[in-house]
PDB file of N, CA and C in Angstrom:
ATOM      1  N   ALA A   1       0.447  -8.877  28.444  1.00  0.00           N
ATOM      2  CA  ALA A   1       1.713  -8.400  28.286  1.00  0.00           C
ATOM      3  C   ALA A   1       2.464  -9.360  27.296  1.00  0.00           C
ATOM      4  N   PRO A   2       3.267  -8.749  26.412  1.00  0.00           N
ATOM      5  CA  PRO A   2       4.024  -9.541  25.725  1.00  0.00           C
ATOM      6  C   PRO A   2       5.108 -10.458  26.493  1.00  0.00           C
ATOM      7  N   ASP A   3       5.516 -11.659  25.893  1.00  0.00           N
ATOM      8  CA  ASP A   3       6.473 -12.335  26.687  1.00  0.00           C
ATOM      9  C   ASP A   3       7.752 -11.586  26.957  1.00  0.00           C
ATOM     10  N   GLY A   4       8.336 -11.743  28.015  1.00  0.00           N
ATOM     11  CA  GLY A   4       9.638 -11.026  28.381  1.00  0.00           C
ATOM     12  C   GLY A   4       9.140  -9.550  28.822  1.00  0.00           C
ATOM     13  N   ALA A   5       8.003  -9.089  28.803  1.00  0.00           N
ATOM     14  CA  ALA A   5       7.650  -7.818  29.229  1.00  0.00           C
ATOM     15  C   ALA A   5       7.863  -7.604  30.665  1.00  0.00           C
ATOM     16  N   LEU A   6       8.432  -6.502  31.174  1.00  0.00           N
ATOM     17  CA  LEU A   6       8.757  -6.103  32.599  1.00  0.00           C
ATOM     18  C   LEU A   6       7.502  -5.464  32.945  1.00  0.00           C
ATOM     19  N   LYS A   7       6.729  -5.911  33.997  1.00  0.00           N
ATOM     20  CA  LYS A   7       5.565  -5.446  34.636  1.00  0.00           C
ATOM     21  C   LYS A   7       5.889  -4.690  36.059  1.00  0.00           C
ATOM     22  N   LEU A   8       5.688  -3.379  36.010  1.00  0.00           N
ATOM     23  CA  LEU A   8       6.118  -2.672  37.243  1.00  0.00           C
ATOM     24  C   LEU A   8       4.917  -1.724  37.675  1.00  0.00           C
ATOM     25  N   ILE A   9       4.781  -1.533  38.942  1.00  0.00           N
ATOM     26  CA  ILE A   9       3.895  -0.580  39.556  1.00  0.00           C
ATOM     27  C   ILE A   9       4.615   0.305  40.391  1.00  0.00           C
ATOM     28  N   LEU A  10       4.471   1.590  40.208  1.00  0.00           N
ATOM     29  CA  LEU A  10       5.247   2.523  40.900  1.00  0.00           C
ATOM     30  C   LEU A  10       4.406   2.800  42.239  1.00  0.00           C
ATOM     31  N   VAL A  11       5.072   2.724  43.430  1.00  0.00           N
ATOM     32  CA  VAL A  11       4.539   2.895  44.714  1.00  0.00           C
ATOM     33  C   VAL A  11       5.428   3.760  45.532  1.00  0.00           C
ATOM     34  N   THR A  12       4.843   4.381  46.619  1.00  0.00           N
ATOM     35  CA  THR A  12       5.630   5.180  47.536  1.00  0.00           C
ATOM     36  C   THR A  12       6.067   4.513  48.650  1.00  0.00           C
ATOM     37  N   ASP A  13       6.114   3.190  48.738  1.00  0.00           N
ATOM     38  CA  ASP A  13       6.447   2.328  49.861  1.00  0.00           C
ATOM     39  C   ASP A  13       7.997   2.444  49.941  1.00  0.00           C
ATOM     40  N   PRO A  14       8.482   2.903  51.095  1.00  0.00           N
ATOM     41  CA  PRO A  14       9.900   2.946  51.257  1.00  0.00           C
ATOM     42  C   PRO A  14      10.695   1.619  51.206  1.00  0.00           C
ATOM     43  N   ASP A  15       9.931   0.577  51.551  1.00  0.00           N
ATOM     44  CA  ASP A  15      10.499  -0.776  51.477  1.00  0.00           C
ATOM     45  C   ASP A  15      10.571  -1.370  50.183  1.00  0.00           C
ATOM     46  N   ALA A  16       9.802  -0.827  49.031  1.00  0.00           N
ATOM     47  CA  ALA A  16       9.892  -1.342  47.768  1.00  0.00           C
ATOM     48  C   ALA A  16      11.251  -1.143  47.061  1.00  0.00           C
ATOM     49  N   PRO A  17      11.715  -2.046  46.231  1.00  0.00           N
ATOM     50  CA  PRO A  17      13.034  -1.813  45.664  1.00  0.00           C
ATOM     51  C   PRO A  17      13.153  -0.639  44.729  1.00  0.00           C
ATOM     52  N   LEU A  18      14.147  -0.092  44.533  1.00  0.00           N
ATOM     53  CA  LEU A  18      14.346   1.031  43.553  1.00  0.00           C
ATOM     54  C   LEU A  18      14.115   0.436  42.148  1.00  0.00           C
ATOM     55  N   LEU A  19      13.570   1.318  41.308  1.00  0.00           N
ATOM     56  CA  LEU A  19      13.349   0.850  39.939  1.00  0.00           C
ATOM     57  C   LEU A  19      14.626   0.232  39.275  1.00  0.00           C
ATOM     58  N   LYS A  20      15.798   0.919  39.410  1.00  0.00           N
ATOM     59  CA  LYS A  20      16.985   0.436  38.776  1.00  0.00           C
ATOM     60  C   LYS A  20      17.390  -0.911  39.339  1.00  0.00           C
ATOM     61  N   ASN A  21      17.040  -1.316  40.535  1.00  0.00           N
ATOM     62  CA  ASN A  21      17.381  -2.618  41.033  1.00  0.00           C
ATOM     63  C   ASN A  21      16.344  -3.693  40.782  1.00  0.00           C
ATOM     64  N   ALA A  22      15.142  -3.385  40.107  1.00  0.00           N
ATOM     65  CA  ALA A  22      14.240  -4.315  39.741  1.00  0.00           C
ATOM     66  C   ALA A  22      14.338  -4.814  38.331  1.00  0.00           C
ATOM     67  N   LEU A  23      15.318  -4.389  37.747  1.00  0.00           N
ATOM     68  CA  LEU A  23      15.477  -4.866  36.215  1.00  0.00           C
ATOM     69  C   LEU A  23      16.075  -6.183  36.156  1.00  0.00           C
ATOM     70  N   PRO A  24      15.505  -7.091  35.339  1.00  0.00           N
ATOM     71  CA  PRO A  24      16.153  -8.480  35.208  1.00  0.00           C
ATOM     72  C   PRO A  24      17.536  -8.391  34.504  1.00  0.00           C
ATOM     73  N   ALA A  25      18.375  -9.314  34.941  1.00  0.00           N
ATOM     74  CA  ALA A  25      19.624  -9.330  34.474  1.00  0.00           C
ATOM     75  C   ALA A  25      19.849  -9.311  32.916  1.00  0.00           C
ATOM     76  N   GLY A  26      18.823 -10.052  32.200  1.00  0.00           N
ATOM     77  CA  GLY A  26      19.009 -10.162  30.844  1.00  0.00           C
ATOM     78  C   GLY A  26      18.252  -8.905  30.057  1.00  0.00           C
ATOM     79  N   GLY A  27      17.668  -8.030  30.812  1.00  0.00           N
ATOM     80  CA  GLY A  27      17.014  -6.933  30.247  1.00  0.00           C
ATOM     81  C   GLY A  27      15.494  -7.339  29.961  1.00  0.00           C
ATOM     82  N   ALA A  28      14.892  -6.611  29.260  1.00  0.00           N
ATOM     83  CA  ALA A  28      13.477  -6.786  28.868  1.00  0.00           C
ATOM     84  C   ALA A  28      13.261  -6.252  27.447  1.00  0.00           C
ATOM     85  N   THR A  29      12.209  -6.965  26.739  1.00  0.00           N
ATOM     86  CA  THR A  29      11.906  -6.533  25.314  1.00  0.00           C
ATOM     87  C   THR A  29      10.818  -5.545  25.476  1.00  0.00           C
ATOM     88  N   ALA A  30      10.058  -5.387  26.570  1.00  0.00           N
ATOM     89  CA  ALA A  30       8.976  -4.356  26.661  1.00  0.00           C
ATOM     90  C   ALA A  30       8.721  -4.226  28.057  1.00  0.00           C
ATOM     91  N   ALA A  31       8.126  -3.042  28.363  1.00  0.00           N
ATOM     92  CA  ALA A  31       7.765  -2.785  29.892  1.00  0.00           C
ATOM     93  C   ALA A  31       6.389  -2.207  29.864  1.00  0.00           C
ATOM     94  N   TRP A  32       5.714  -2.682  30.904  1.00  0.00           N
ATOM     95  CA  TRP A  32       4.335  -2.161  31.342  1.00  0.00           C
ATOM     96  C   TRP A  32       4.533  -1.501  32.505  1.00  0.00           C
ATOM     97  N   LEU A  33       4.080  -0.182  32.747  1.00  0.00           N
ATOM     98  CA  LEU A  33       4.238   0.656  33.876  1.00  0.00           C
ATOM     99  C   LEU A  33       2.972   1.205  34.388  1.00  0.00           C
ATOM    100  N   LEU A  34       2.566   0.862  35.710  1.00  0.00           N
ATOM    101  CA  LEU A  34       1.394   1.337  36.381  1.00  0.00           C
ATOM    102  C   LEU A  34       1.884   2.613  37.182  1.00  0.00           C
ATOM    103  N   SER A  35       1.325   3.728  36.926  1.00  0.00           N
ATOM    104  CA  SER A  35       1.534   4.890  37.827  1.00  0.00           C
ATOM    105  C   SER A  35       0.309   5.429  38.304  1.00  0.00           C
ATOM    106  N   GLY A  36       0.288   5.665  39.649  1.00  0.00           N
ATOM    107  CA  GLY A  36      -1.033   5.879  40.318  1.00  0.00           C
ATOM    108  C   GLY A  36      -1.447   7.450  40.390  1.00  0.00           C
ATOM    109  N   PRO A  37      -2.610   7.540  41.106  1.00  0.00           N
ATOM    110  CA  PRO A  37      -2.998   9.059  41.256  1.00  0.00           C
ATOM    111  C   PRO A  37      -2.156   9.680  42.371  1.00  0.00           C
ATOM    112  N   GLU A  38      -2.478  10.988  42.523  1.00  0.00           N
ATOM    113  CA  GLU A  38      -1.873  11.626  43.781  1.00  0.00           C
ATOM    114  C   GLU A  38      -2.358  10.856  44.957  1.00  0.00           C
ATOM    115  N   GLY A  39      -1.430  10.681  45.840  1.00  0.00           N
ATOM    116  CA  GLY A  39      -1.716   9.997  47.044  1.00  0.00           C
ATOM    117  C   GLY A  39      -1.400   8.418  46.959  1.00  0.00           C
ATOM    118  N   ASP A  40      -1.017   7.915  45.856  1.00  0.00           N
ATOM    119  CA  ASP A  40      -0.575   6.613  45.561  1.00  0.00           C
ATOM    120  C   ASP A  40      -1.789   5.618  45.314  1.00  0.00           C
ATOM    121  N   PHE A  41      -1.502   4.457  45.045  1.00  0.00           N
ATOM    122  CA  PHE A  41      -2.541   3.437  44.963  1.00  0.00           C
ATOM    123  C   PHE A  41      -3.146   2.945  46.208  1.00  0.00           C
ATOM    124  N   SER A  42      -4.341   2.514  46.306  1.00  0.00           N
ATOM    125  CA  SER A  42      -4.884   1.979  47.452  1.00  0.00           C
ATOM    126  C   SER A  42      -4.126   0.591  47.813  1.00  0.00           C
ATOM    127  N   PRO A  43      -4.260   0.137  48.963  1.00  0.00           N
ATOM    128  CA  PRO A  43      -3.702  -1.263  49.075  1.00  0.00           C
ATOM    129  C   PRO A  43      -4.302  -2.318  48.389  1.00  0.00           C
ATOM    130  N   ASP A  44      -5.675  -2.227  48.092  1.00  0.00           N
ATOM    131  CA  ASP A  44      -6.297  -3.214  47.198  1.00  0.00           C
ATOM    132  C   ASP A  44      -5.888  -3.107  45.860  1.00  0.00           C
ATOM    133  N   GLU A  45      -5.606  -1.872  45.339  1.00  0.00           N
ATOM    134  CA  GLU A  45      -5.104  -1.848  43.964  1.00  0.00           C
ATOM    135  C   GLU A  45      -3.697  -2.446  43.782  1.00  0.00           C
ATOM    136  N   ILE A  46      -2.902  -2.111  44.808  1.00  0.00           N
ATOM    137  CA  ILE A  46      -1.432  -2.720  44.806  1.00  0.00           C
ATOM    138  C   ILE A  46      -1.657  -4.253  44.741  1.00  0.00           C
ATOM    139  N   THR A  47      -2.403  -4.800  45.689  1.00  0.00           N
ATOM    140  CA  THR A  47      -2.734  -6.377  45.718  1.00  0.00           C
ATOM    141  C   THR A  47      -3.155  -6.781  44.372  1.00  0.00           C
ATOM    142  N   ALA A  48      -4.059  -6.177  43.839  1.00  0.00           N
ATOM    143  CA  ALA A  48      -4.626  -6.723  42.485  1.00  0.00           C
ATOM    144  C   ALA A  48      -3.535  -6.584  41.463  1.00  0.00           C
ATOM    145  N   ALA A  49      -2.657  -5.587  41.428  1.00  0.00           N
ATOM    146  CA  ALA A  49      -1.644  -5.391  40.531  1.00  0.00           C
ATOM    147  C   ALA A  49      -0.590  -6.541  40.684  1.00  0.00           C
ATOM    148  N   ARG A  50      -0.200  -6.839  42.009  1.00  0.00           N
ATOM    149  CA  ARG A  50       0.737  -7.897  42.319  1.00  0.00           C
ATOM    150  C   ARG A  50       0.075  -9.200  41.772  1.00  0.00           C
ATOM    151  N   ALA A  51      -1.067  -9.376  41.964  1.00  0.00           N
ATOM    152  CA  ALA A  51      -1.725 -10.711  41.591  1.00  0.00           C
ATOM    153  C   ALA A  51      -1.697 -10.812  40.035  1.00  0.00           C
ATOM    154  N   ALA A  52      -1.636  -9.733  39.260  1.00  0.00           N
ATOM    155  CA  ALA A  52      -1.572  -9.665  37.715  1.00  0.00           C
ATOM    156  C   ALA A  52      -0.136  -9.702  37.363  1.00  0.00           C
ATOM    157  N   GLY A  53       0.827  -9.857  38.332  1.00  0.00           N
ATOM    158  CA  GLY A  53       2.222 -10.038  37.856  1.00  0.00           C
ATOM    159  C   GLY A  53       3.211  -8.717  37.931  1.00  0.00           C
ATOM    160  N   PHE A  54       2.585  -7.617  38.481  1.00  0.00           N
ATOM    161  CA  PHE A  54       3.281  -6.380  38.583  1.00  0.00           C
ATOM    162  C   PHE A  54       4.154  -6.346  39.814  1.00  0.00           C
ATOM    163  N   ALA A  55       5.366  -6.036  39.721  1.00  0.00           N
ATOM    164  CA  ALA A  55       6.334  -5.922  40.853  1.00  0.00           C
ATOM    165  C   ALA A  55       6.282  -4.439  41.266  1.00  0.00           C
ATOM    166  N   PRO A  56       6.054  -4.229  42.598  1.00  0.00           N
ATOM    167  CA  PRO A  56       6.229  -2.832  43.111  1.00  0.00           C
ATOM    168  C   PRO A  56       7.690  -2.379  43.112  1.00  0.00           C
ATOM    169  N   VAL A  57       7.764  -1.027  42.552  1.00  0.00           N
ATOM    170  CA  VAL A  57       8.998  -0.466  42.556  1.00  0.00           C
ATOM    171  C   VAL A  57       8.849   1.029  42.983  1.00  0.00           C
ATOM    172  N   SER A  58      10.076   1.656  43.534  1.00  0.00           N
ATOM    173  CA  SER A  58       9.981   2.934  44.055  1.00  0.00           C
ATOM    174  C   SER A  58      11.061   3.846  43.251  1.00  0.00           C
ATOM    175  N   LEU A  59      10.733   5.108  43.079  1.00  0.00           N
ATOM    176  CA  LEU A  59      11.763   6.023  42.410  1.00  0.00           C
ATOM    177  C   LEU A  59      12.595   6.734  43.514  1.00  0.00           C
ATOM    178  N   GLY A  60      12.535   6.166  44.759  1.00  0.00           N
ATOM    179  CA  GLY A  60      13.400   6.692  45.762  1.00  0.00           C
ATOM    180  C   GLY A  60      12.650   7.544  46.852  1.00  0.00           C
ATOM    181  N   PRO A  61      13.288   8.175  47.702  1.00  0.00           N
ATOM    182  CA  PRO A  61      12.670   8.831  48.884  1.00  0.00           C
ATOM    183  C   PRO A  61      11.750  10.094  48.468  1.00  0.00           C
ATOM    184  N   LEU A  62      12.055  10.740  47.284  1.00  0.00           N
ATOM    185  CA  LEU A  62      11.244  11.880  46.952  1.00  0.00           C
ATOM    186  C   LEU A  62       9.869  11.367  46.329  1.00  0.00           C
ATOM    187  N   ILE A  63       8.844  11.983  46.814  1.00  0.00           N
ATOM    188  CA  ILE A  63       7.530  11.710  46.118  1.00  0.00           C
ATOM    189  C   ILE A  63       7.191  12.659  45.125  1.00  0.00           C
ATOM    190  N   LEU A  64       7.081  12.169  43.930  1.00  0.00           N
ATOM    191  CA  LEU A  64       6.901  13.048  42.798  1.00  0.00           C
ATOM    192  C   LEU A  64       5.358  13.115  42.505  1.00  0.00           C
ATOM    193  N   ARG A  65       5.004  14.273  41.739  1.00  0.00           N
ATOM    194  CA  ARG A  65       3.706  14.370  41.398  1.00  0.00           C
ATOM    195  C   ARG A  65       3.120  13.344  40.470  1.00  0.00           C
ATOM    196  N   ALA A  66       1.902  13.086  40.362  1.00  0.00           N
ATOM    197  CA  ALA A  66       1.328  12.000  39.477  1.00  0.00           C
ATOM    198  C   ALA A  66       1.586  12.359  38.039  1.00  0.00           C
ATOM    199  N   ASP A  67       1.856  13.527  37.761  1.00  0.00           N
ATOM    200  CA  ASP A  67       2.124  13.892  36.236  1.00  0.00           C
ATOM    201  C   ASP A  67       3.607  13.769  35.932  1.00  0.00           C
ATOM    202  N   THR A  68       4.451  13.780  36.949  1.00  0.00           N
ATOM    203  CA  THR A  68       5.906  13.756  36.678  1.00  0.00           C
ATOM    204  C   THR A  68       6.408  12.289  37.074  1.00  0.00           C
ATOM    205  N   ALA A  69       5.817  11.578  37.737  1.00  0.00           N
ATOM    206  CA  ALA A  69       6.376  10.243  38.046  1.00  0.00           C
ATOM    207  C   ALA A  69       6.451   9.329  36.978  1.00  0.00           C
ATOM    208  N   PRO A  70       5.478   9.202  36.147  1.00  0.00           N
ATOM    209  CA  PRO A  70       5.541   8.215  35.022  1.00  0.00           C
ATOM    210  C   PRO A  70       6.545   8.733  33.959  1.00  0.00           C
ATOM    211  N   VAL A  71       6.712  10.037  33.768  1.00  0.00           N
ATOM    212  CA  VAL A  71       7.740  10.694  32.919  1.00  0.00           C
ATOM    213  C   VAL A  71       9.232  10.249  33.398  1.00  0.00           C
ATOM    214  N   THR A  72       9.324  10.564  34.642  1.00  0.00           N
ATOM    215  CA  THR A  72      10.579  10.003  35.192  1.00  0.00           C
ATOM    216  C   THR A  72      10.873   8.632  35.235  1.00  0.00           C
ATOM    217  N   ALA A  73      10.026   7.816  35.523  1.00  0.00           N
ATOM    218  CA  ALA A  73      10.230   6.288  35.414  1.00  0.00           C
ATOM    219  C   ALA A  73      10.427   5.825  34.033  1.00  0.00           C
ATOM    220  N   LEU A  74       9.645   6.352  33.023  1.00  0.00           N
ATOM    221  CA  LEU A  74       9.913   6.021  31.581  1.00  0.00           C
ATOM    222  C   LEU A  74      11.428   6.438  31.050  1.00  0.00           C
ATOM    223  N   ALA A  75      11.875   7.710  31.615  1.00  0.00           N
ATOM    224  CA  ALA A  75      13.176   8.071  31.264  1.00  0.00           C
ATOM    225  C   ALA A  75      14.229   7.123  31.837  1.00  0.00           C
ATOM    226  N   ILE A  76      14.015   6.808  33.119  1.00  0.00           N
ATOM    227  CA  ILE A  76      14.868   5.808  33.716  1.00  0.00           C
ATOM    228  C   ILE A  76      14.841   4.492  33.034  1.00  0.00           C
ATOM    229  N   LEU A  77      13.679   3.938  32.626  1.00  0.00           N
ATOM    230  CA  LEU A  77      13.723   2.716  31.979  1.00  0.00           C
ATOM    231  C   LEU A  77      14.185   2.767  30.579  1.00  0.00           C
ATOM    232  N   ASN A  78      14.081   3.802  29.913  1.00  0.00           N
ATOM    233  CA  ASN A  78      14.664   4.103  28.548  1.00  0.00           C
ATOM    234  C   ASN A  78      16.229   4.028  28.714  1.00  0.00           C
ATOM    235  N   HIS A  79      16.703   4.807  29.615  1.00  0.00           N
ATOM    236  CA  HIS A  79      18.220   4.815  29.784  1.00  0.00           C
ATOM    237  C   HIS A  79      18.717   3.299  30.190  1.00  0.00           C
ATOM    238  N   LEU A  80      18.058   2.681  31.132  1.00  0.00           N
ATOM    239  CA  LEU A  80      18.591   1.432  31.640  1.00  0.00           C
ATOM    240  C   LEU A  80      18.402   0.288  30.509  1.00  0.00           C
ATOM    241  N   LEU A  81      17.380   0.355  29.767  1.00  0.00           N
ATOM    242  CA  LEU A  81      17.128  -0.721  28.822  1.00  0.00           C
ATOM    243  C   LEU A  81      17.580  -0.545  27.437  1.00  0.00           C
ATOM    244  N   ALA A  82      17.978   0.824  27.147  1.00  0.00           N
ATOM    245  CA  ALA A  82      18.473   1.032  25.805  1.00  0.00           C
ATOM    246  C   ALA A  82      19.610   0.201  25.246  1.00  0.00           C
ATOM    247  N   ALA A  83      19.549  -0.199  24.073  1.00  0.00           N
ATOM    248  CA  ALA A  83      20.683  -0.931  23.549  1.00  0.00           C
ATOM    249  C   ALA A  83      21.966  -0.088  23.304  1.00  0.00           C
ATOM    250  N   PRO A  84      23.089  -0.797  23.728  1.00  0.00           N
ATOM    251  CA  PRO A  84      24.284   0.075  23.613  1.00  0.00           C
ATOM    252  C   PRO A  84      24.521   0.588  22.232  1.00  0.00           C
ATOM    253  N   ASP A  85      25.197   1.729  22.190  1.00  0.00           N
ATOM    254  CA  ASP A  85      25.569   2.329  20.873  1.00  0.00           C
ATOM    255  C   ASP A  85      26.422   1.329  20.071  1.00  0.00           C
ATOM    256  N   LYS A  86      26.089   1.333  18.725  1.00  0.00           N
ATOM    257  CA  LYS A  86      27.011   0.441  17.949  1.00  0.00           C
ATOM    258  C   LYS A  86      28.023   1.144  17.162  1.00  0.00           C
TER     259      LYS A  86
END
Protein backbone atom coordinates (compact mmCIF):
# COMPACT_ATOMS: atom_id res chain seq x y z
CA ALA A 1 0.00 0.00 0.00
CA PRO A 2 1.24 3.51 -0.69
CA ASP A 3 2.45 5.61 2.23
CA GLY A 4 -0.48 7.22 4.00
CA ALA A 5 -2.96 4.71 2.61
CA LEU A 6 -5.87 3.84 4.82
CA LYS A 7 -6.22 0.05 5.15
CA LEU A 8 -9.68 -1.14 6.20
CA ILE A 9 -11.49 -4.46 6.39
CA LEU A 10 -15.30 -4.47 6.53
CA VAL A 11 -16.65 -6.75 9.25
CA THR A 12 -20.04 -7.43 10.79
CA ASP A 13 -18.70 -7.29 14.35
CA PRO A 14 -20.96 -4.91 16.31
CA ASP A 15 -17.94 -3.87 18.42
CA ALA A 16 -15.94 -2.68 15.40
CA PRO A 17 -15.80 1.10 14.99
CA LEU A 18 -17.98 2.68 12.35
CA LEU A 19 -16.21 3.49 9.10
CA LYS A 20 -16.75 7.23 9.60
CA ASN A 21 -15.01 7.04 13.00
CA ALA A 22 -11.98 5.13 11.72
CA LEU A 23 -10.63 7.87 9.48
CA PRO A 24 -7.40 9.59 10.53
CA ALA A 25 -7.63 13.26 11.47
CA GLY A 26 -5.37 14.30 8.60
CA GLY A 27 -7.29 12.31 6.01
CA ALA A 28 -5.67 9.80 3.69
CA THR A 29 -4.09 9.89 0.25
CA ALA A 30 -5.35 6.44 -0.71
CA ALA A 31 -7.50 3.70 0.71
CA TRP A 32 -7.43 -0.08 0.53
CA LEU A 33 -10.70 -1.80 1.36
CA LEU A 34 -11.26 -5.50 2.00
CA SER A 35 -14.86 -6.61 1.69
CA GLY A 36 -15.75 -10.21 2.35
CA PRO A 37 -18.09 -12.85 1.07
CA GLU A 38 -21.65 -13.47 2.20
CA GLY A 39 -21.41 -14.46 5.85
CA ASP A 40 -18.34 -12.30 6.55
CA PHE A 41 -14.67 -13.14 6.76
CA SER A 42 -13.54 -16.09 8.87
CA PRO A 43 -11.80 -15.28 12.16
CA ASP A 44 -8.49 -16.45 10.63
CA GLU A 45 -8.94 -14.10 7.66
CA ILE A 46 -9.64 -11.16 9.97
CA THR A 47 -6.57 -12.03 12.04
CA ALA A 48 -4.41 -12.19 8.90
CA ALA A 49 -5.79 -8.85 7.66
CA ARG A 50 -5.08 -7.22 11.02
CA ALA A 51 -1.53 -8.61 10.93
CA ALA A 52 -1.16 -6.95 7.51
CA GLY A 53 -2.20 -3.59 8.98
CA PHE A 54 -5.90 -3.54 8.12
CA ALA A 55 -8.25 -2.02 10.70
CA PRO A 56 -11.67 -3.65 11.14
CA VAL A 57 -14.59 -1.29 10.53
CA SER A 58 -18.35 -1.62 10.38
CA LEU A 59 -21.01 0.03 8.25
CA GLY A 60 -23.44 -0.09 11.19
CA PRO A 61 -26.09 -2.48 12.46
CA LEU A 62 -27.54 -3.38 9.06
CA ILE A 63 -25.85 -6.30 7.32
CA LEU A 64 -25.50 -5.54 3.63
CA ARG A 65 -25.12 -8.04 0.80
CA ALA A 66 -21.61 -8.86 -0.39
CA ASP A 67 -22.25 -7.00 -3.64
CA THR A 68 -23.61 -3.81 -2.06
CA ALA A 69 -21.33 -3.46 1.00
CA PRO A 70 -18.19 -2.43 -0.95
CA VAL A 71 -20.13 0.05 -3.08
CA THR A 72 -21.61 1.59 0.05
CA ALA A 73 -18.24 1.73 1.80
CA LEU A 74 -16.55 3.31 -1.22
CA ALA A 75 -19.29 5.94 -1.48
CA ILE A 76 -18.86 6.78 2.21
CA LEU A 77 -15.06 6.97 1.82
CA ASN A 78 -15.37 9.15 -1.26
CA HIS A 79 -17.65 11.53 0.60
CA LEU A 80 -15.52 11.68 3.74
CA LEU A 81 -12.15 11.94 1.99
CA ALA A 82 -13.12 14.20 -0.91
CA ALA A 83 -11.30 17.49 -1.10
CA PRO A 84 -13.50 20.47 -0.28
CA ASP A 85 -14.83 22.43 -3.24
CA LYS A 86 -12.64 25.34 -4.26
